[in-house]
Amino acid sequence: MMAYALPGQKIIINQVVLDFNGTIACDGELLPGVAPRLQALATDVKLYVLTADTFGTAALACRDLPVQLMKVDQLQGGEDKERLVVRLGAEHTAAIGNGNNDVQMLTRAALGLLVLGPEGSSGRALQVADVVFSDILAALDFLLKPKRVVATLRP
């Protein structure tokens, strides 16, 4: 569990849901620096990686990571991701994504984080995100360092 104490509110995050392609991976390959940050984050929260697995590489890329890998439907992935966030408890979930099929999970989650990665980002996802990052490493560091959350999201 990670607690972020903002003035007038407290956000408790028990799990982080991450998109795979375009968020923690590019062209189906895990981005450098992601694995150690996920290892550190996993000491406090449960991690879920969601993917339609466009390149067929997600299982191999995530095999040594402390994550639960879940496949989503190629056409209904957005709904699948949203259902998982709701099932886990949206009020205690942070979601990180970059694409159109991440819009619903970013909207539902207590913290919706958008990554402007090498595969680009959806304008629709940008509109619903709580915070936008230049890359996945900055987004993961944001969660790992609670004072960054407070500094960015205080009223």
N, C-alpha and C. Protein backbone atom coordinates (compact mmCIF):
# COMPACT_ATOMS: atom_id res chain seq x y z
N MET A 1 0.84 -1.18 0.00
CA MET A 1 0.00 0.00 0.00
C MET A 1 0.89 1.24 0.00
N MET A 2 0.49 2.21 -0.79
CA MET A 2 1.18 3.50 -0.81
C MET A 2 0.14 4.57 -0.50
N ALA A 3 0.46 5.43 0.44
CA ALA A 3 -0.45 6.51 0.81
C ALA A 3 0.11 7.83 0.34
N TYR A 4 -0.75 8.61 -0.30
CA TYR A 4 -0.38 9.94 -0.76
C TYR A 4 -1.31 10.91 -0.03
N ALA A 5 -0.76 11.71 0.86
CA ALA A 5 -1.56 12.63 1.65
C ALA A 5 -1.57 14.01 0.99
N LEU A 6 -2.68 14.32 0.34
CA LEU A 6 -2.86 15.62 -0.26
C LEU A 6 -3.67 16.48 0.71
N PRO A 7 -3.50 17.79 0.71
CA PRO A 7 -4.31 18.62 1.60
C PRO A 7 -5.79 18.35 1.41
N GLY A 8 -6.46 17.98 2.50
CA GLY A 8 -7.89 17.72 2.44
C GLY A 8 -8.28 16.35 1.97
N GLN A 9 -7.31 15.50 1.59
CA GLN A 9 -7.64 14.14 1.14
C GLN A 9 -6.44 13.23 1.29
N LYS A 10 -6.72 11.96 1.27
CA LYS A 10 -5.67 10.95 1.32
C LYS A 10 -5.99 9.89 0.28
N ILE A 11 -5.06 9.63 -0.59
CA ILE A 11 -5.25 8.60 -1.62
C ILE A 11 -4.42 7.40 -1.22
N ILE A 12 -5.07 6.26 -1.11
CA ILE A 12 -4.40 4.99 -0.79
C ILE A 12 -4.37 4.17 -2.07
N ILE A 13 -3.17 3.81 -2.51
CA ILE A 13 -3.01 2.99 -3.71
C ILE A 13 -2.55 1.60 -3.30
N ASN A 14 -3.35 0.59 -3.65
CA ASN A 14 -3.02 -0.80 -3.36
C ASN A 14 -2.50 -1.54 -4.59
N GLN A 15 -2.82 -1.02 -5.78
CA GLN A 15 -2.39 -1.67 -7.00
C GLN A 15 -2.17 -0.65 -8.10
N VAL A 16 -1.30 -1.02 -9.01
CA VAL A 16 -1.02 -0.21 -10.19
C VAL A 16 -1.26 -1.08 -11.41
N VAL A 17 -2.05 -0.56 -12.33
CA VAL A 17 -2.38 -1.23 -13.58
C VAL A 17 -1.64 -0.51 -14.69
N LEU A 18 -0.86 -1.26 -15.45
CA LEU A 18 -0.03 -0.67 -16.50
C LEU A 18 -0.35 -1.29 -17.86
N ASP A 19 -0.45 -0.44 -18.85
CA ASP A 19 -0.52 -0.89 -20.23
C ASP A 19 0.87 -1.38 -20.63
N PHE A 20 0.95 -2.30 -21.56
CA PHE A 20 2.25 -2.82 -21.99
C PHE A 20 2.81 -2.01 -23.15
N ASN A 21 2.30 -2.24 -24.38
CA ASN A 21 2.86 -1.58 -25.56
C ASN A 21 2.58 -0.08 -25.55
N GLY A 22 3.64 0.68 -25.74
CA GLY A 22 3.53 2.13 -25.76
C GLY A 22 3.69 2.76 -24.39
N THR A 23 3.62 1.94 -23.34
CA THR A 23 3.72 2.46 -21.98
C THR A 23 4.98 1.96 -21.31
N ILE A 24 5.07 0.64 -21.05
CA ILE A 24 6.30 0.10 -20.45
C ILE A 24 7.17 -0.59 -21.50
N ALA A 25 6.65 -0.68 -22.72
CA ALA A 25 7.39 -1.33 -23.81
C ALA A 25 7.23 -0.53 -25.09
N CYS A 26 8.18 -0.68 -25.98
CA CYS A 26 8.11 -0.09 -27.31
C CYS A 26 8.36 -1.20 -28.32
N ASP A 27 7.47 -1.30 -29.28
CA ASP A 27 7.55 -2.36 -30.29
C ASP A 27 7.68 -3.74 -29.66
N GLY A 28 7.02 -3.93 -28.52
CA GLY A 28 6.98 -5.23 -27.85
C GLY A 28 8.16 -5.53 -26.95
N GLU A 29 9.09 -4.59 -26.80
CA GLU A 29 10.27 -4.80 -25.94
C GLU A 29 10.23 -3.85 -24.75
N LEU A 30 10.47 -4.41 -23.56
CA LEU A 30 10.48 -3.62 -22.34
C LEU A 30 11.49 -2.49 -22.46
N LEU A 31 11.10 -1.30 -22.05
CA LEU A 31 11.99 -0.14 -22.12
C LEU A 31 13.05 -0.21 -21.03
N PRO A 32 14.26 0.28 -21.32
CA PRO A 32 15.34 0.28 -20.32
C PRO A 32 14.93 1.08 -19.07
N GLY A 33 15.27 0.53 -17.90
CA GLY A 33 14.99 1.20 -16.64
C GLY A 33 13.65 0.86 -16.02
N VAL A 34 12.78 0.21 -16.77
CA VAL A 34 11.45 -0.13 -16.25
C VAL A 34 11.52 -1.24 -15.21
N ALA A 35 12.26 -2.30 -15.50
CA ALA A 35 12.30 -3.47 -14.61
C ALA A 35 12.70 -3.11 -13.18
N PRO A 36 13.79 -2.37 -12.93
CA PRO A 36 14.14 -2.08 -11.54
C PRO A 36 13.09 -1.22 -10.82
N ARG A 37 12.44 -0.34 -11.56
CA ARG A 37 11.41 0.48 -10.93
C ARG A 37 10.18 -0.36 -10.58
N LEU A 38 9.83 -1.30 -11.44
CA LEU A 38 8.71 -2.18 -11.12
C LEU A 38 9.06 -3.06 -9.92
N GLN A 39 10.30 -3.51 -9.83
CA GLN A 39 10.75 -4.30 -8.67
C GLN A 39 10.57 -3.47 -7.40
N ALA A 40 10.97 -2.22 -7.42
CA ALA A 40 10.85 -1.36 -6.24
C ALA A 40 9.39 -1.09 -5.91
N LEU A 41 8.59 -0.82 -6.90
CA LEU A 41 7.17 -0.52 -6.67
C LEU A 41 6.43 -1.74 -6.12
N ALA A 42 6.83 -2.93 -6.54
CA ALA A 42 6.16 -4.16 -6.12
C ALA A 42 6.32 -4.45 -4.63
N THR A 43 7.23 -3.78 -3.96
CA THR A 43 7.36 -3.99 -2.51
C THR A 43 6.20 -3.35 -1.77
N ASP A 44 5.48 -2.42 -2.41
CA ASP A 44 4.39 -1.70 -1.75
C ASP A 44 3.01 -1.95 -2.34
N VAL A 45 2.94 -2.32 -3.60
CA VAL A 45 1.65 -2.50 -4.28
C VAL A 45 1.68 -3.71 -5.20
N LYS A 46 0.50 -4.18 -5.57
CA LYS A 46 0.40 -5.23 -6.58
C LYS A 46 0.44 -4.58 -7.96
N LEU A 47 1.09 -5.25 -8.89
CA LEU A 47 1.24 -4.73 -10.24
C LEU A 47 0.56 -5.64 -11.26
N TYR A 48 -0.19 -5.01 -12.15
CA TYR A 48 -0.87 -5.73 -13.22
C TYR A 48 -0.47 -5.10 -14.55
N VAL A 49 -0.05 -5.92 -15.49
CA VAL A 49 0.27 -5.45 -16.84
C VAL A 49 -0.80 -5.99 -17.77
N LEU A 50 -1.44 -5.07 -18.49
CA LEU A 50 -2.54 -5.43 -19.39
C LEU A 50 -2.11 -5.21 -20.82
N THR A 51 -2.44 -6.17 -21.68
CA THR A 51 -1.98 -6.06 -23.07
C THR A 51 -2.85 -6.86 -24.02
N ALA A 52 -3.00 -6.34 -25.21
CA ALA A 52 -3.56 -7.11 -26.32
C ALA A 52 -2.45 -7.91 -26.98
N ASP A 53 -1.22 -7.68 -26.57
CA ASP A 53 -0.02 -8.38 -27.02
C ASP A 53 0.15 -8.35 -28.54
N THR A 54 0.12 -7.16 -29.07
CA THR A 54 0.23 -6.94 -30.51
C THR A 54 1.44 -7.64 -31.12
N PHE A 55 2.55 -7.63 -30.42
CA PHE A 55 3.79 -8.21 -30.96
C PHE A 55 4.03 -9.65 -30.49
N GLY A 56 3.19 -10.16 -29.59
CA GLY A 56 3.35 -11.53 -29.10
C GLY A 56 4.55 -11.72 -28.19
N THR A 57 5.02 -10.64 -27.55
CA THR A 57 6.24 -10.71 -26.75
C THR A 57 6.03 -10.43 -25.26
N ALA A 58 4.82 -10.12 -24.86
CA ALA A 58 4.57 -9.66 -23.49
C ALA A 58 4.95 -10.69 -22.43
N ALA A 59 4.60 -11.95 -22.64
CA ALA A 59 4.92 -12.97 -21.64
C ALA A 59 6.42 -13.09 -21.43
N LEU A 60 7.16 -13.10 -22.49
CA LEU A 60 8.62 -13.19 -22.39
C LEU A 60 9.20 -11.93 -21.73
N ALA A 61 8.72 -10.77 -22.13
CA ALA A 61 9.24 -9.50 -21.59
C ALA A 61 8.95 -9.35 -20.10
N CYS A 62 7.84 -9.93 -19.64
CA CYS A 62 7.42 -9.76 -18.24
C CYS A 62 7.73 -10.96 -17.35
N ARG A 63 8.35 -11.98 -17.90
CA ARG A 63 8.51 -13.23 -17.15
C ARG A 63 9.27 -13.09 -15.84
N ASP A 64 10.23 -12.18 -15.75
CA ASP A 64 11.01 -12.01 -14.52
C ASP A 64 10.55 -10.82 -13.69
N LEU A 65 9.44 -10.24 -14.05
CA LEU A 65 8.93 -9.07 -13.34
C LEU A 65 7.90 -9.49 -12.29
N PRO A 66 7.77 -8.72 -11.21
CA PRO A 66 6.79 -9.03 -10.17
C PRO A 66 5.40 -8.49 -10.54
N VAL A 67 4.89 -8.95 -11.68
CA VAL A 67 3.61 -8.46 -12.19
C VAL A 67 2.70 -9.63 -12.53
N GLN A 68 1.42 -9.34 -12.55
CA GLN A 68 0.47 -10.30 -13.09
C GLN A 68 0.13 -9.81 -14.50
N LEU A 69 0.45 -10.60 -15.50
CA LEU A 69 0.21 -10.26 -16.89
C LEU A 69 -1.19 -10.74 -17.28
N MET A 70 -1.96 -9.84 -17.87
CA MET A 70 -3.32 -10.18 -18.28
C MET A 70 -3.54 -9.73 -19.71
N LYS A 71 -4.07 -10.63 -20.53
CA LYS A 71 -4.38 -10.28 -21.91
C LYS A 71 -5.77 -9.67 -21.99
N VAL A 72 -5.88 -8.67 -22.87
CA VAL A 72 -7.17 -8.05 -23.14
C VAL A 72 -7.52 -8.29 -24.60
N ASP A 73 -8.77 -8.17 -24.91
CA ASP A 73 -9.25 -8.37 -26.26
C ASP A 73 -8.72 -7.28 -27.20
N GLN A 74 -8.36 -7.66 -28.42
CA GLN A 74 -7.84 -6.70 -29.40
C GLN A 74 -8.83 -5.57 -29.67
N LEU A 75 -10.12 -5.90 -29.72
CA LEU A 75 -11.13 -4.90 -30.06
C LEU A 75 -11.83 -4.30 -28.83
N GLN A 76 -11.91 -5.06 -27.76
CA GLN A 76 -12.62 -4.60 -26.56
C GLN A 76 -11.67 -4.38 -25.39
N GLY A 77 -10.40 -4.11 -25.67
CA GLY A 77 -9.39 -3.96 -24.63
C GLY A 77 -9.69 -2.85 -23.65
N GLY A 78 -10.24 -1.75 -24.13
CA GLY A 78 -10.57 -0.64 -23.24
C GLY A 78 -11.58 -1.04 -22.19
N GLU A 79 -12.59 -1.79 -22.60
CA GLU A 79 -13.60 -2.26 -21.66
C GLU A 79 -13.00 -3.29 -20.70
N ASP A 80 -12.14 -4.16 -21.22
CA ASP A 80 -11.48 -5.15 -20.36
C ASP A 80 -10.64 -4.47 -19.28
N LYS A 81 -9.90 -3.45 -19.67
CA LYS A 81 -9.05 -2.73 -18.71
C LYS A 81 -9.90 -2.02 -17.66
N GLU A 82 -10.97 -1.39 -18.11
CA GLU A 82 -11.86 -0.71 -17.16
C GLU A 82 -12.47 -1.70 -16.17
N ARG A 83 -12.92 -2.84 -16.65
CA ARG A 83 -13.51 -3.86 -15.77
C ARG A 83 -12.52 -4.31 -14.70
N LEU A 84 -11.26 -4.48 -15.07
CA LEU A 84 -10.26 -4.89 -14.09
C LEU A 84 -10.07 -3.81 -13.03
N VAL A 85 -9.96 -2.56 -13.44
CA VAL A 85 -9.79 -1.46 -12.48
C VAL A 85 -10.96 -1.42 -11.51
N VAL A 86 -12.17 -1.58 -12.01
CA VAL A 86 -13.35 -1.58 -11.15
C VAL A 86 -13.31 -2.78 -10.21
N ARG A 87 -12.98 -3.95 -10.74
CA ARG A 87 -12.93 -5.17 -9.91
C ARG A 87 -11.89 -5.06 -8.81
N LEU A 88 -10.74 -4.45 -9.11
CA LEU A 88 -9.68 -4.31 -8.11
C LEU A 88 -10.02 -3.26 -7.05
N GLY A 89 -10.88 -2.32 -7.41
CA GLY A 89 -11.21 -1.21 -6.53
C GLY A 89 -10.61 0.06 -7.08
N ALA A 90 -11.34 0.72 -7.95
CA ALA A 90 -10.84 1.90 -8.66
C ALA A 90 -10.31 2.98 -7.71
N GLU A 91 -10.95 3.11 -6.55
CA GLU A 91 -10.55 4.17 -5.61
C GLU A 91 -9.19 3.93 -4.99
N HIS A 92 -8.63 2.72 -5.18
CA HIS A 92 -7.30 2.38 -4.66
C HIS A 92 -6.34 1.93 -5.76
N THR A 93 -6.62 2.38 -6.99
CA THR A 93 -5.83 1.94 -8.14
C THR A 93 -5.23 3.13 -8.87
N ALA A 94 -3.96 3.00 -9.23
CA ALA A 94 -3.32 3.93 -10.15
C ALA A 94 -3.21 3.21 -11.49
N ALA A 95 -3.49 3.91 -12.57
CA ALA A 95 -3.41 3.32 -13.91
C ALA A 95 -2.45 4.15 -14.75
N ILE A 96 -1.63 3.44 -15.53
CA ILE A 96 -0.67 4.12 -16.40
C ILE A 96 -0.86 3.59 -17.83
N GLY A 97 -1.07 4.51 -18.75
CA GLY A 97 -1.26 4.11 -20.13
C GLY A 97 -0.93 5.24 -21.09
N ASN A 98 -1.18 4.98 -22.39
CA ASN A 98 -0.88 5.96 -23.41
C ASN A 98 -1.87 5.98 -24.56
N GLY A 99 -2.72 4.98 -24.67
CA GLY A 99 -3.52 4.83 -25.87
C GLY A 99 -5.01 5.01 -25.71
N ASN A 100 -5.71 4.96 -26.84
CA ASN A 100 -7.17 5.06 -26.82
C ASN A 100 -7.79 3.98 -25.95
N ASN A 101 -7.22 2.77 -25.97
CA ASN A 101 -7.81 1.71 -25.17
C ASN A 101 -7.46 1.82 -23.68
N ASP A 102 -6.78 2.90 -23.30
CA ASP A 102 -6.48 3.16 -21.89
C ASP A 102 -7.39 4.24 -21.29
N VAL A 103 -8.17 4.90 -22.13
CA VAL A 103 -8.99 6.03 -21.69
C VAL A 103 -9.90 5.64 -20.52
N GLN A 104 -10.59 4.53 -20.65
CA GLN A 104 -11.55 4.14 -19.62
C GLN A 104 -10.88 3.81 -18.29
N MET A 105 -9.74 3.13 -18.33
CA MET A 105 -9.07 2.81 -17.06
C MET A 105 -8.45 4.06 -16.44
N LEU A 106 -7.93 4.98 -17.26
CA LEU A 106 -7.37 6.22 -16.74
C LEU A 106 -8.47 7.06 -16.08
N THR A 107 -9.65 7.05 -16.66
CA THR A 107 -10.78 7.79 -16.11
C THR A 107 -11.25 7.21 -14.79
N ARG A 108 -11.34 5.90 -14.70
CA ARG A 108 -11.87 5.22 -13.51
C ARG A 108 -10.92 5.20 -12.32
N ALA A 109 -9.64 5.10 -12.58
CA ALA A 109 -8.65 4.93 -11.51
C ALA A 109 -8.55 6.18 -10.63
N ALA A 110 -8.15 5.97 -9.38
CA ALA A 110 -7.94 7.09 -8.45
C ALA A 110 -6.87 8.03 -8.99
N LEU A 111 -5.84 7.46 -9.63
CA LEU A 111 -4.79 8.24 -10.29
C LEU A 111 -4.63 7.71 -11.71
N GLY A 112 -4.88 8.55 -12.69
CA GLY A 112 -4.70 8.19 -14.08
C GLY A 112 -3.47 8.90 -14.63
N LEU A 113 -2.46 8.12 -14.99
CA LEU A 113 -1.18 8.68 -15.43
C LEU A 113 -0.95 8.36 -16.90
N LEU A 114 -0.67 9.40 -17.68
CA LEU A 114 -0.43 9.24 -19.10
C LEU A 114 1.06 9.35 -19.40
N VAL A 115 1.55 8.47 -20.25
CA VAL A 115 2.95 8.48 -20.67
C VAL A 115 3.02 8.92 -22.13
N LEU A 116 3.87 9.92 -22.37
CA LEU A 116 4.15 10.38 -23.73
C LEU A 116 5.38 9.62 -24.21
N GLY A 117 5.18 8.39 -24.61
CA GLY A 117 6.30 7.52 -24.94
C GLY A 117 6.67 7.54 -26.40
N PRO A 118 7.64 6.68 -26.76
CA PRO A 118 8.14 6.64 -28.14
C PRO A 118 7.10 6.20 -29.16
N GLU A 119 6.03 5.55 -28.73
CA GLU A 119 4.97 5.15 -29.66
C GLU A 119 3.87 6.20 -29.74
N GLY A 120 4.05 7.32 -29.04
CA GLY A 120 3.05 8.38 -29.06
C GLY A 120 1.98 8.15 -28.00
N SER A 121 1.06 9.09 -27.93
CA SER A 121 -0.03 9.02 -26.96
C SER A 121 -1.31 9.51 -27.60
N SER A 122 -2.40 8.96 -27.15
CA SER A 122 -3.71 9.32 -27.67
C SER A 122 -4.16 10.67 -27.10
N GLY A 123 -4.70 11.51 -27.95
CA GLY A 123 -5.25 12.78 -27.50
C GLY A 123 -6.40 12.59 -26.54
N ARG A 124 -7.20 11.55 -26.77
CA ARG A 124 -8.32 11.25 -25.86
C ARG A 124 -7.79 10.87 -24.48
N ALA A 125 -6.74 10.07 -24.43
CA ALA A 125 -6.16 9.67 -23.14
C ALA A 125 -5.55 10.88 -22.43
N LEU A 126 -4.94 11.76 -23.19
CA LEU A 126 -4.37 12.98 -22.63
C LEU A 126 -5.43 13.82 -21.93
N GLN A 127 -6.61 13.87 -22.49
CA GLN A 127 -7.69 14.68 -21.93
C GLN A 127 -8.21 14.17 -20.59
N VAL A 128 -8.09 12.88 -20.33
CA VAL A 128 -8.66 12.33 -19.09
C VAL A 128 -7.63 12.05 -18.00
N ALA A 129 -6.35 12.10 -18.34
CA ALA A 129 -5.30 11.78 -17.36
C ALA A 129 -5.23 12.84 -16.26
N ASP A 130 -4.88 12.38 -15.05
CA ASP A 130 -4.65 13.30 -13.94
C ASP A 130 -3.29 13.97 -14.05
N VAL A 131 -2.30 13.22 -14.53
CA VAL A 131 -0.94 13.74 -14.67
C VAL A 131 -0.34 13.16 -15.95
N VAL A 132 0.49 13.95 -16.63
CA VAL A 132 1.11 13.54 -17.88
C VAL A 132 2.63 13.55 -17.69
N PHE A 133 3.29 12.51 -18.22
CA PHE A 133 4.74 12.36 -18.06
C PHE A 133 5.42 12.22 -19.41
N SER A 134 6.66 12.67 -19.47
CA SER A 134 7.43 12.58 -20.71
C SER A 134 7.83 11.16 -21.04
N ASP A 135 7.89 10.28 -20.03
CA ASP A 135 8.25 8.89 -20.27
C ASP A 135 7.82 8.03 -19.08
N ILE A 136 7.90 6.74 -19.24
CA ILE A 136 7.46 5.80 -18.21
C ILE A 136 8.31 5.89 -16.96
N LEU A 137 9.59 6.16 -17.09
CA LEU A 137 10.45 6.23 -15.91
C LEU A 137 10.01 7.36 -14.99
N ALA A 138 9.65 8.50 -15.57
CA ALA A 138 9.15 9.61 -14.76
C ALA A 138 7.84 9.25 -14.07
N ALA A 139 6.97 8.53 -14.75
CA ALA A 139 5.69 8.12 -14.16
C ALA A 139 5.91 7.15 -13.00
N LEU A 140 6.79 6.19 -13.17
CA LEU A 140 7.06 5.24 -12.09
C LEU A 140 7.75 5.93 -10.92
N ASP A 141 8.67 6.84 -11.19
CA ASP A 141 9.32 7.59 -10.12
C ASP A 141 8.31 8.45 -9.36
N PHE A 142 7.33 8.98 -10.06
CA PHE A 142 6.26 9.77 -9.44
C PHE A 142 5.56 8.94 -8.35
N LEU A 143 5.29 7.68 -8.65
CA LEU A 143 4.63 6.81 -7.67
C LEU A 143 5.59 6.38 -6.56
N LEU A 144 6.85 6.21 -6.90
CA LEU A 144 7.84 5.77 -5.91
C LEU A 144 8.23 6.87 -4.92
N LYS A 145 7.98 8.11 -5.28
CA LYS A 145 8.37 9.25 -4.44
C LYS A 145 7.13 10.07 -4.10
N PRO A 146 6.45 9.72 -3.00
CA PRO A 146 5.15 10.32 -2.66
C PRO A 146 5.12 11.85 -2.61
N LYS A 147 6.21 12.50 -2.30
CA LYS A 147 6.19 13.96 -2.26
C LYS A 147 5.99 14.57 -3.65
N ARG A 148 6.36 13.83 -4.68
CA ARG A 148 6.10 14.31 -6.04
C ARG A 148 4.59 14.33 -6.30
N VAL A 149 3.90 13.33 -5.81
CA VAL A 149 2.45 13.27 -5.98
C VAL A 149 1.82 14.48 -5.30
N VAL A 150 2.24 14.74 -4.08
CA VAL A 150 1.69 15.87 -3.32
C VAL A 150 1.99 17.18 -4.03
N ALA A 151 3.21 17.38 -4.47
CA ALA A 151 3.60 18.63 -5.11
C ALA A 151 2.81 18.88 -6.40
N THR A 152 2.52 17.83 -7.13
CA THR A 152 1.83 17.96 -8.41
C THR A 152 0.32 18.07 -8.26
N LEU A 153 -0.26 17.36 -7.31
CA LEU A 153 -1.72 17.25 -7.24
C LEU A 153 -2.38 18.07 -6.12
N ARG A 154 -1.59 18.77 -5.32
CA ARG A 154 -2.25 19.56 -4.26
C ARG A 154 -3.16 20.60 -4.89
N PRO A 155 -4.27 20.92 -4.19
CA PRO A 155 -5.21 21.92 -4.72
C PRO A 155 -4.58 23.30 -4.83
